[in-house]
Amino acid sequence: VQLVESGGGLVQAGGSLRLSCAASGFIFDDYAIGWFRQAPGKEREGVGCISNGDGRTYYADSVKGRFTISSDNAKNTVYLQMNNLKQEDTAIYYCTVDHWGVLVGAVAGGMPERFLRDDYFGQGTRVTVSS
């Protein structure tokens, strides 16, 4: 299984960015992809997730209405469109693959222990929102 995040950068508050998560090594439609983030000095938190098979999405309250997750199943890629960015969105963003129920629970605050390990996620992509 391989997941590669990209698209991060520096943006002013109120601006937009689109992150990508390119996936390989598993049957894309059978799983869900979740986005997580970790700000400096803070715990990792869930942003949202998408069920690749049917397109269901679930978002953390902190991003609801501003962030949108979509998938291109032909490209095995999931996107995180981030609009109206705030300084508190500054973080390294990661994606991971798992079953829908696990990711919804993680985004809702029930983070599985493995998601908290430093070596669980990949390199991520850094998003910096300036004032």
C-alpha atoms as a PDB file:
ATOM      1  CA  VAL A   1       0.000   0.000   0.000  1.00  0.00           C
ATOM      2  CA  GLN A   2       1.315   3.399  -0.925  1.00  0.00           C
ATOM      3  CA  LEU A   3      -0.202   6.809  -0.368  1.00  0.00           C
ATOM      4  CA  VAL A   4       1.489   9.996  -1.526  1.00  0.00           C
ATOM      5  CA  GLU A   5       0.250  13.405  -0.427  1.00  0.00           C
ATOM      6  CA  SER A   6       0.935  16.559  -2.402  1.00  0.00           C
ATOM      7  CA  GLY A   7      -0.351  20.061  -2.974  1.00  0.00           C
ATOM      8  CA  GLY A   8       0.587  21.794   0.224  1.00  0.00           C
ATOM      9  CA  GLY A   9       2.077  25.261   0.368  1.00  0.00           C
ATOM     10  CA  LEU A  10       1.856  28.736   1.782  1.00  0.00           C
ATOM     11  CA  VAL A  11      -1.431  30.590   1.430  1.00  0.00           C
ATOM     12  CA  GLN A  12      -2.958  33.671   2.966  1.00  0.00           C
ATOM     13  CA  ALA A  13      -5.911  33.415   5.293  1.00  0.00           C
ATOM     14  CA  GLY A  14      -9.096  33.228   3.280  1.00  0.00           C
ATOM     15  CA  GLY A  15      -7.340  31.499   0.421  1.00  0.00           C
ATOM     16  CA  SER A  16      -7.685  28.005  -0.997  1.00  0.00           C
ATOM     17  CA  LEU A  17      -5.544  24.947  -1.609  1.00  0.00           C
ATOM     18  CA  ARG A  18      -6.223  21.519  -3.046  1.00  0.00           C
ATOM     19  CA  LEU A  19      -4.344  18.568  -1.655  1.00  0.00           C
ATOM     20  CA  SER A  20      -4.026  15.246  -3.445  1.00  0.00           C
ATOM     21  CA  CYS A  21      -3.599  11.732  -2.125  1.00  0.00           C
ATOM     22  CA  ALA A  22      -2.431   9.296  -4.797  1.00  0.00           C
ATOM     23  CA  ALA A  23      -3.078   5.697  -3.786  1.00  0.00           C
ATOM     24  CA  SER A  24      -1.778   2.363  -5.023  1.00  0.00           C
ATOM     25  CA  GLY A  25      -1.408  -1.207  -3.888  1.00  0.00           C
ATOM     26  CA  PHE A  26      -4.990  -1.972  -2.936  1.00  0.00           C
ATOM     27  CA  ILE A  27      -8.447  -2.163  -4.469  1.00  0.00           C
ATOM     28  CA  PHE A  28      -9.363   1.499  -4.315  1.00  0.00           C
ATOM     29  CA  ASP A  29     -13.141   1.119  -4.420  1.00  0.00           C
ATOM     30  CA  ASP A  30     -13.173  -1.296  -1.475  1.00  0.00           C
ATOM     31  CA  TYR A  31     -11.823   1.173   1.043  1.00  0.00           C
ATOM     32  CA  ALA A  32     -12.096   4.689   2.362  1.00  0.00           C
ATOM     33  CA  ILE A  33      -9.476   7.411   2.491  1.00  0.00           C
ATOM     34  CA  GLY A  34      -9.131   9.719   5.444  1.00  0.00           C
ATOM     35  CA  TRP A  35      -7.355  13.022   5.820  1.00  0.00           C
ATOM     36  CA  PHE A  36      -5.645  13.890   9.076  1.00  0.00           C
ATOM     37  CA  ARG A  37      -3.492  16.770  10.188  1.00  0.00           C
ATOM     38  CA  GLN A  38      -1.038  17.642  12.887  1.00  0.00           C
ATOM     39  CA  ALA A  39      -0.177  21.170  13.840  1.00  0.00           C
ATOM     40  CA  PRO A  40       3.071  21.994  15.641  1.00  0.00           C
ATOM     41  CA  GLY A  41       2.781  21.070  19.292  1.00  0.00           C
ATOM     42  CA  LYS A  42      -0.679  19.619  18.897  1.00  0.00           C
ATOM     43  CA  GLU A  43      -2.135  16.163  18.662  1.00  0.00           C
ATOM     44  CA  ARG A  44      -3.027  14.623  15.357  1.00  0.00           C
ATOM     45  CA  GLU A  45      -6.655  15.190  14.437  1.00  0.00           C
ATOM     46  CA  GLY A  46      -9.040  13.943  11.807  1.00  0.00           C
ATOM     47  CA  VAL A  47     -10.172  16.247   9.034  1.00  0.00           C
ATOM     48  CA  GLY A  48     -12.541  14.092   7.024  1.00  0.00           C
ATOM     49  CA  CYS A  49     -12.904  10.941   5.012  1.00  0.00           C
ATOM     50  CA  ILE A  50     -14.499   9.549   1.883  1.00  0.00           C
ATOM     51  CA  SER A  51     -15.804   6.123   1.029  1.00  0.00           C
ATOM     52  CA  ASN A  52     -14.263   5.425  -2.352  1.00  0.00           C
ATOM     53  CA  GLY A  53     -16.955   2.994  -3.392  1.00  0.00           C
ATOM     54  CA  ASP A  54     -19.993   5.219  -2.951  1.00  0.00           C
ATOM     55  CA  GLY A  55     -18.631   8.699  -2.325  1.00  0.00           C
ATOM     56  CA  ARG A  56     -19.971   9.143   1.209  1.00  0.00           C
ATOM     57  CA  THR A  57     -18.076  11.807   3.100  1.00  0.00           C
ATOM     58  CA  TYR A  58     -17.704  12.761   6.721  1.00  0.00           C
ATOM     59  CA  TYR A  59     -16.044  15.885   8.121  1.00  0.00           C
ATOM     60  CA  ALA A  60     -14.788  17.192  11.389  1.00  0.00           C
ATOM     61  CA  ASP A  61     -16.821  20.097  12.701  1.00  0.00           C
ATOM     62  CA  SER A  62     -13.789  22.375  12.475  1.00  0.00           C
ATOM     63  CA  VAL A  63     -13.693  22.117   8.678  1.00  0.00           C
ATOM     64  CA  LYS A  64     -17.314  21.452   7.774  1.00  0.00           C
ATOM     65  CA  GLY A  65     -18.504  23.875   5.122  1.00  0.00           C
ATOM     66  CA  ARG A  66     -14.955  24.893   4.193  1.00  0.00           C
ATOM     67  CA  PHE A  67     -13.298  21.642   3.153  1.00  0.00           C
ATOM     68  CA  THR A  68     -14.522  19.162   0.557  1.00  0.00           C
ATOM     69  CA  ILE A  69     -13.202  15.678  -0.096  1.00  0.00           C
ATOM     70  CA  SER A  70     -13.654  14.080  -3.491  1.00  0.00           C
ATOM     71  CA  SER A  71     -12.205  11.130  -5.330  1.00  0.00           C
ATOM     72  CA  ASP A  72     -11.242  10.297  -8.872  1.00  0.00           C
ATOM     73  CA  ASN A  73     -11.557   6.538  -8.921  1.00  0.00           C
ATOM     74  CA  ALA A  74     -10.068   6.294 -12.401  1.00  0.00           C
ATOM     75  CA  LYS A  75      -6.879   7.855 -11.049  1.00  0.00           C
ATOM     76  CA  ASN A  76      -7.007   6.245  -7.590  1.00  0.00           C
ATOM     77  CA  THR A  77      -6.656   9.721  -6.160  1.00  0.00           C
ATOM     78  CA  VAL A  78      -8.497  11.547  -3.419  1.00  0.00           C
ATOM     79  CA  TYR A  79      -8.562  15.319  -3.138  1.00  0.00           C
ATOM     80  CA  LEU A  80      -9.000  17.673  -0.215  1.00  0.00           C
ATOM     81  CA  GLN A  81     -10.261  21.048  -1.392  1.00  0.00           C
ATOM     82  CA  MET A  82      -9.679  23.598   1.323  1.00  0.00           C
ATOM     83  CA  ASN A  83     -11.412  26.956   1.069  1.00  0.00           C
ATOM     84  CA  ASN A  84     -11.546  29.940   3.380  1.00  0.00           C
ATOM     85  CA  LEU A  85      -8.391  28.761   5.077  1.00  0.00           C
ATOM     86  CA  LYS A  86      -7.632  29.966   8.581  1.00  0.00           C
ATOM     87  CA  GLN A  87      -4.363  30.219  10.446  1.00  0.00           C
ATOM     88  CA  GLU A  88      -5.484  27.348  12.652  1.00  0.00           C
ATOM     89  CA  ASP A  89      -5.511  25.118   9.559  1.00  0.00           C
ATOM     90  CA  THR A  90      -1.725  25.316   9.482  1.00  0.00           C
ATOM     91  CA  ALA A  91      -0.468  21.753   9.834  1.00  0.00           C
ATOM     92  CA  ILE A  92       1.043  18.806   8.057  1.00  0.00           C
ATOM     93  CA  TYR A  93      -1.737  16.951   6.289  1.00  0.00           C
ATOM     94  CA  TYR A  94      -1.710  13.195   5.856  1.00  0.00           C
ATOM     95  CA  CYS A  95      -3.950  10.688   4.154  1.00  0.00           C
ATOM     96  CA  THR A  96      -4.490   7.073   5.049  1.00  0.00           C
ATOM     97  CA  VAL A  97      -6.586   4.159   3.857  1.00  0.00           C
ATOM     98  CA  ASP A  98      -8.865   2.077   6.035  1.00  0.00           C
ATOM     99  CA  HIS A  99     -12.437   0.906   6.352  1.00  0.00           C
ATOM    100  CA  TRP A 100     -15.162   3.550   6.393  1.00  0.00           C
ATOM    101  CA  GLY A 101     -16.273   2.926   9.948  1.00  0.00           C
ATOM    102  CA  VAL A 102     -12.740   3.149  11.303  1.00  0.00           C
ATOM    103  CA  LEU A 103     -12.085   6.450   9.566  1.00  0.00           C
ATOM    104  CA  VAL A 104     -15.389   8.001  10.601  1.00  0.00           C
ATOM    105  CA  GLY A 105     -14.649   7.034  14.168  1.00  0.00           C
ATOM    106  CA  ALA A 106     -11.146   8.467  13.918  1.00  0.00           C
ATOM    107  CA  VAL A 107     -12.357  11.760  12.480  1.00  0.00           C
ATOM    108  CA  ALA A 108     -15.037  11.951  15.162  1.00  0.00           C
ATOM    109  CA  GLY A 109     -12.363  11.721  17.831  1.00  0.00           C
ATOM    110  CA  GLY A 110     -11.926   8.016  18.435  1.00  0.00           C
ATOM    111  CA  MET A 111      -8.436   7.797  16.982  1.00  0.00           C
ATOM    112  CA  PRO A 112      -7.143   4.213  16.844  1.00  0.00           C
ATOM    113  CA  GLU A 113      -3.880   3.861  18.683  1.00  0.00           C
ATOM    114  CA  ARG A 114      -2.004   3.010  15.496  1.00  0.00           C
ATOM    115  CA  PHE A 115      -3.005   6.363  13.988  1.00  0.00           C
ATOM    116  CA  LEU A 116      -1.138   8.105  16.807  1.00  0.00           C
ATOM    117  CA  ARG A 117       2.173   6.410  16.085  1.00  0.00           C
ATOM    118  CA  ASP A 118       4.811   8.654  14.552  1.00  0.00           C
ATOM    119  CA  ASP A 119       5.620   6.047  11.928  1.00  0.00           C
ATOM    120  CA  TYR A 120       2.059   5.286  10.875  1.00  0.00           C
ATOM    121  CA  PHE A 121       1.590   8.028   8.292  1.00  0.00           C
ATOM    122  CA  GLY A 122       3.798   9.020   5.389  1.00  0.00           C
ATOM    123  CA  GLN A 123       5.587  12.302   4.802  1.00  0.00           C
ATOM    124  CA  GLY A 124       2.429  14.305   4.478  1.00  0.00           C
ATOM    125  CA  THR A 125       2.197  17.706   2.867  1.00  0.00           C
ATOM    126  CA  ARG A 126       2.682  20.954   4.767  1.00  0.00           C
ATOM    127  CA  VAL A 127       0.054  23.665   4.712  1.00  0.00           C
ATOM    128  CA  THR A 128       0.905  27.069   6.114  1.00  0.00           C
ATOM    129  CA  VAL A 129      -1.750  29.743   6.371  1.00  0.00           C
ATOM    130  CA  SER A 130      -0.480  33.249   6.957  1.00  0.00           C
ATOM    131  CA  SER A 131      -2.392  36.219   8.290  1.00  0.00           C
END
